[in-house]
Protein backbone atom coordinates (compact mmCIF):
# COMPACT_ATOMS: atom_id res chain seq x y z
CA MET A 1 -3.68 18.47 0.08
CA ILE A 2 -4.80 14.83 0.17
CA GLY A 3 -7.51 13.70 -2.16
CA ARG A 4 -9.65 10.62 -2.19
CA LEU A 5 -8.82 7.29 -0.61
CA ASN A 6 -7.12 5.22 -3.28
CA HIS A 7 -6.87 1.90 -1.43
CA VAL A 8 -6.47 0.09 1.85
CA ALA A 9 -3.63 -2.44 1.80
CA ILE A 10 -3.92 -5.69 3.74
CA ALA A 11 -0.85 -7.87 4.27
CA VAL A 12 -1.78 -11.53 3.82
CA PRO A 13 0.13 -14.77 4.46
CA ASP A 14 -1.57 -16.60 1.54
CA LEU A 15 -2.35 -14.44 -1.48
CA ALA A 16 -4.26 -17.15 -3.37
CA ALA A 17 -6.49 -18.02 -0.40
CA SER A 18 -7.18 -14.36 0.38
CA SER A 19 -7.97 -13.61 -3.27
CA ALA A 20 -10.37 -16.55 -3.39
CA GLN A 21 -12.07 -15.38 -0.19
CA TYR A 22 -12.75 -11.92 -1.64
CA ARG A 23 -13.84 -13.35 -5.01
CA ASP A 24 -15.88 -16.38 -3.86
CA THR A 25 -17.15 -15.42 -0.41
CA LEU A 26 -17.57 -11.66 -0.81
CA GLY A 27 -18.31 -11.62 -4.57
CA ALA A 28 -15.70 -8.97 -5.39
CA VAL A 29 -13.90 -8.32 -8.66
CA VAL A 30 -10.36 -9.62 -8.03
CA HIS A 31 -7.50 -8.85 -10.42
CA PRO A 32 -4.57 -11.21 -11.11
CA PRO A 33 -1.43 -11.07 -8.95
CA GLN A 34 1.15 -8.49 -9.92
CA ASP A 35 4.81 -8.69 -8.82
CA GLU A 36 6.36 -5.39 -7.74
CA PRO A 37 10.07 -6.23 -7.34
CA ASP A 38 11.07 -2.61 -6.54
CA HIS A 39 8.85 -2.81 -3.46
CA GLY A 40 9.46 -6.48 -2.60
CA VAL A 41 5.79 -7.44 -2.84
CA THR A 42 3.19 -9.22 -4.91
CA VAL A 43 -0.16 -7.43 -4.96
CA VAL A 44 -3.72 -8.23 -5.93
CA PHE A 45 -6.20 -5.39 -6.38
CA ILE A 46 -9.86 -5.79 -5.55
CA ASP A 47 -12.34 -3.33 -7.01
CA LEU A 48 -14.98 -1.78 -4.78
CA PRO A 49 -17.55 0.82 -5.86
CA ASN A 50 -15.80 3.61 -3.94
CA THR A 51 -12.14 2.47 -3.64
CA LYS A 52 -9.88 -0.58 -3.85
CA ILE A 53 -8.43 -3.17 -1.50
CA GLU A 54 -4.83 -4.17 -2.12
CA LEU A 55 -3.81 -7.60 -0.87
CA VAL A 56 -0.05 -7.58 -0.30
CA ALA A 57 2.24 -10.60 0.08
CA PRO A 58 6.03 -10.87 0.35
CA LEU A 59 8.10 -11.18 -2.80
CA GLY A 60 11.40 -12.56 -1.50
CA ASP A 61 12.81 -13.00 1.98
CA ASP A 62 13.86 -9.37 2.44
CA SER A 63 10.36 -8.03 1.73
CA PRO A 64 9.06 -5.47 4.23
CA ILE A 65 5.81 -7.46 4.22
CA ALA A 66 7.67 -10.58 5.45
CA ALA A 67 8.71 -8.65 8.57
CA PHE A 68 5.14 -7.40 9.04
CA LEU A 69 3.78 -10.95 8.78
CA GLU A 70 6.33 -12.20 11.33
CA ARG A 71 4.78 -9.77 13.82
CA ASN A 72 1.23 -10.40 12.55
CA PRO A 73 1.07 -14.02 11.27
CA ALA A 74 -2.62 -13.83 10.35
CA GLY A 75 -2.03 -10.62 8.35
CA GLY A 76 -3.69 -7.27 8.85
CA ILE A 77 -4.06 -3.74 7.56
CA HIS A 78 -0.65 -2.59 6.38
CA HIS A 79 -1.25 0.91 4.99
CA ILE A 80 -3.75 3.41 3.66
CA CYS A 81 -3.15 5.15 0.34
CA TYR A 82 -4.36 8.68 -0.39
CA GLU A 83 -4.22 10.43 -3.74
CA VAL A 84 -2.35 13.71 -4.23
CA VAL A 85 -2.17 15.93 -7.28
CA ASP A 86 1.53 16.83 -6.93
CA ILE A 87 3.58 14.32 -4.94
CA LEU A 88 6.69 16.50 -4.74
CA ALA A 89 4.73 19.48 -3.42
CA ALA A 90 2.97 17.18 -0.94
CA ARG A 91 6.31 15.74 0.19
CA ASP A 92 7.86 19.17 0.65
CA ARG A 93 4.88 20.47 2.61
CA LEU A 94 4.79 17.40 4.85
CA LYS A 95 8.53 17.57 5.54
CA ALA A 96 8.21 21.27 6.38
CA GLU A 97 5.52 20.28 8.91
CA GLY A 98 7.88 17.71 10.47
CA ALA A 99 6.54 14.52 8.88
CA ARG A 100 9.09 11.85 7.98
CA VAL A 101 9.14 10.41 4.47
CA LEU A 102 10.45 6.85 4.36
CA GLY A 103 13.31 5.74 2.14
CA THR A 104 15.28 8.32 0.21
CA GLY A 105 12.38 10.75 0.07
CA GLU A 106 12.22 10.40 -3.69
CA PRO A 107 9.07 8.88 -5.18
CA LYS A 108 9.16 5.35 -6.60
CA ILE A 109 6.79 4.01 -9.23
CA GLY A 110 4.01 2.05 -7.53
CA ALA A 111 1.72 -0.77 -8.61
CA HIS A 112 -0.51 1.59 -10.62
CA GLY A 113 2.48 2.91 -12.58
CA LYS A 114 2.35 6.25 -10.72
CA PRO A 115 4.78 7.90 -8.28
CA VAL A 116 4.33 6.94 -4.61
CA LEU A 117 5.86 7.84 -1.24
CA PHE A 118 5.38 6.39 2.23
CA LEU A 119 5.10 8.42 5.44
CA HIS A 120 6.34 7.20 8.80
CA PRO A 121 3.53 5.62 10.88
CA LYS A 122 4.77 7.25 14.10
CA ASP A 123 3.86 10.61 12.56
CA PHE A 124 0.30 9.51 11.67
CA ASN A 125 -1.26 7.80 14.68
CA GLY A 126 0.51 4.50 14.04
CA CYS A 127 -0.75 4.25 10.45
CA LEU A 128 1.63 3.83 7.52
CA ILE A 129 0.46 6.28 4.85
CA GLU A 130 1.13 5.93 1.13
CA LEU A 131 0.70 8.93 -1.14
CA GLU A 132 0.07 8.30 -4.83
CA GLN A 133 0.19 11.02 -7.47
CA VAL A 134 -2.86 11.01 -9.75
């Protein structure tokens, strides 16, 4: 059901400093910040030969990333995103297997302009999983 790894998301307390570190220290291709108000975050994508890194920072006080950074002030891995061909079929199969889909269970449009869903970390070894339809 799941396809390739789309990205690993890292919550960061300082988006500009983290972007500079990837660009200047690691020599990566770093894209400009992109606000995602529906998700309460600002993101920066970093291109790698085989996947992407997504730096995630809070957009507003009620951002889910703000709560994550309160528990992890230095930041850390927030979620892993896998690609799926049919997000509704994937959702229905996962729910039938007992996995919990966060939110309403209906896909939202993510940072790549494609439908996404998040799966409860307690159902996946403590890891928040994002599914993105490709």
